[in-house]
Amino acid sequence: MKLSGPSGALVAGLLAAAGASVCCVLPLTLLALGVGGAWVVNLTALEPARPVFVLLAIGFLALAFRRLYLVPARCEPGDACADGSVRRRQRAIFWSAALIIIGLLAAPWAASFIA
C-alpha cells in the first residue's frame, strides 16, 4: 500500500494528532475502562512534545488540503485519479479525518471542562 499524496498526509496527520492528544486521551480512556489509581496522573510524559505534535498534525492537514483542492491532479487517461469518484472519495475521507484530528486536538481543552 503506497502512502503518498493526500492519503499519506492524512495518515501522518492522524498519527500526529494522536500523539498530540495522548497525554489527555489515554488517561481518560483508562479511567473509562475502569483502570484507576494515582499512577494515572503520571501519564503526562509526552506533554512537553505536544506543541510539536500539534504543529505536525496541522501541517499534514494543510498538505493534504493543498494536494486535494489547490494543486491540480496530473492524471493520464485510464489512471485511477482520472475518475471523478476517486477524488470525491478522497475528499470525503479528508474531511472525516480532519474532524477526527480536530477532535483529538481539542481533547485537552474539552477535558478541562469535564474534569
Protein backbone atom coordinates (compact mmCIF):
# COMPACT_ATOMS: atom_id res chain seq x y z
CA MET A 1 0.00 0.00 0.00
CA LYS A 2 1.57 3.23 -1.16
CA LEU A 3 1.06 6.20 1.20
CA SER A 4 1.95 9.15 -0.96
CA GLY A 5 -0.25 12.04 -1.95
CA PRO A 6 -3.29 13.09 0.05
CA SER A 7 -3.77 9.70 1.73
CA GLY A 8 -0.22 9.69 3.10
CA ALA A 9 -0.66 13.18 4.51
CA LEU A 10 -3.96 12.14 6.12
CA VAL A 11 -2.41 9.11 7.81
CA ALA A 12 0.50 11.23 9.03
CA GLY A 13 -1.92 13.87 10.29
CA LEU A 14 -3.93 11.29 12.21
CA LEU A 15 -0.79 9.90 13.82
CA ALA A 16 0.45 13.38 14.76
CA ALA A 17 -2.94 14.29 16.24
CA ALA A 18 -2.98 11.08 18.24
CA GLY A 19 0.48 11.93 19.55
CA ALA A 20 -0.65 15.44 20.43
CA SER A 21 -3.62 14.23 22.43
CA VAL A 22 -2.20 11.09 24.03
CA CYS A 23 -1.38 12.90 27.27
CA CYS A 24 -5.05 13.69 27.77
CA VAL A 25 -6.97 10.99 25.90
CA LEU A 26 -5.03 7.99 27.27
CA PRO A 27 -5.69 8.70 30.97
CA LEU A 28 -9.36 9.43 30.26
CA THR A 29 -9.65 6.22 28.25
CA LEU A 30 -8.01 4.21 31.01
CA LEU A 31 -10.31 5.74 33.61
CA ALA A 32 -13.35 5.00 31.42
CA LEU A 33 -12.22 1.37 31.21
CA GLY A 34 -12.04 1.18 34.99
CA VAL A 35 -8.28 1.42 35.34
CA GLY A 36 -7.60 3.85 38.13
CA GLY A 37 -5.11 4.75 40.72
CA ALA A 38 -2.70 7.52 41.49
CA TRP A 39 -0.29 6.40 38.78
CA VAL A 40 -2.68 7.59 36.03
CA VAL A 41 -1.70 11.16 36.92
CA ASN A 42 1.89 10.39 35.89
CA LEU A 43 0.92 9.60 32.28
CA THR A 44 1.88 13.07 31.10
CA ALA A 45 5.38 12.25 29.89
CA LEU A 46 4.61 13.40 26.34
CA GLU A 47 3.14 16.76 27.40
CA PRO A 48 6.35 18.72 26.57
CA ALA A 49 6.22 17.36 22.99
CA ARG A 50 2.55 18.26 22.50
CA PRO A 51 3.17 21.54 20.60
CA VAL A 52 5.37 19.67 18.11
CA PHE A 53 2.66 17.07 17.51
CA VAL A 54 0.01 19.79 17.15
CA LEU A 55 2.10 21.59 14.53
CA LEU A 56 2.74 18.34 12.68
CA ALA A 57 -0.97 17.48 12.64
CA ILE A 58 -1.93 20.93 11.35
CA GLY A 59 0.89 20.83 8.80
CA PHE A 60 -0.12 17.44 7.44
CA LEU A 61 -3.75 18.54 7.25
CA ALA A 62 -2.69 21.61 5.30
CA LEU A 63 -0.58 19.45 2.98
CA ALA A 64 -3.49 17.08 2.30
CA PHE A 65 -5.83 20.05 1.72
CA ARG A 66 -3.32 21.57 -0.71
CA ARG A 67 -2.99 18.34 -2.68
CA LEU A 68 -6.74 17.76 -2.82
CA TYR A 69 -8.00 21.26 -3.54
CA LEU A 70 -5.23 23.64 -4.65
CA VAL A 71 -2.87 21.63 -6.85
CA PRO A 72 -4.47 20.24 -9.99
CA ALA A 73 -4.10 16.48 -10.33
CA ARG A 74 -1.89 15.28 -13.18
CA CYS A 75 -3.50 12.11 -14.37
CA GLU A 76 -3.16 10.12 -17.53
CA PRO A 77 -6.37 8.84 -19.09
CA GLY A 78 -7.11 5.46 -17.58
CA ASP A 79 -5.41 6.20 -14.24
CA ALA A 80 -7.45 5.82 -11.07
CA CYS A 81 -7.08 9.52 -10.28
CA ALA A 82 -8.72 10.43 -13.61
CA ASP A 83 -12.02 9.08 -12.27
CA GLY A 84 -14.04 11.80 -10.51
CA SER A 85 -15.42 9.39 -7.92
CA VAL A 86 -11.90 8.70 -6.63
CA ARG A 87 -11.30 12.40 -5.97
CA ARG A 88 -14.70 12.73 -4.25
CA ARG A 89 -13.91 9.72 -2.06
CA GLN A 90 -10.51 11.19 -1.17
CA ARG A 91 -12.15 14.48 -0.20
CA ALA A 92 -14.76 12.69 1.93
CA ILE A 93 -12.00 10.76 3.70
CA PHE A 94 -10.06 14.01 4.17
CA TRP A 95 -12.97 15.75 5.89
CA SER A 96 -13.68 12.70 8.05
CA ALA A 97 -10.04 12.55 9.12
CA ALA A 98 -9.98 16.32 9.67
CA LEU A 99 -12.93 16.04 12.07
CA ILE A 100 -11.19 13.25 13.97
CA ILE A 101 -7.94 15.23 14.12
CA ILE A 102 -9.72 18.37 15.34
CA GLY A 103 -11.46 16.26 17.98
CA LEU A 104 -8.18 14.80 19.15
CA LEU A 105 -6.52 18.21 19.24
CA ALA A 106 -9.45 19.64 21.20
CA ALA A 107 -9.43 16.77 23.75
CA PRO A 108 -7.20 18.52 26.32
CA TRP A 109 -9.33 21.66 26.13
CA ALA A 110 -12.56 19.66 26.46
CA ALA A 111 -11.11 17.61 29.33
CA SER A 112 -10.65 20.77 31.37
CA PHE A 113 -14.43 21.28 31.21
CA ILE A 114 -15.19 17.64 32.04
CA ALA A 115 -12.81 17.38 34.98
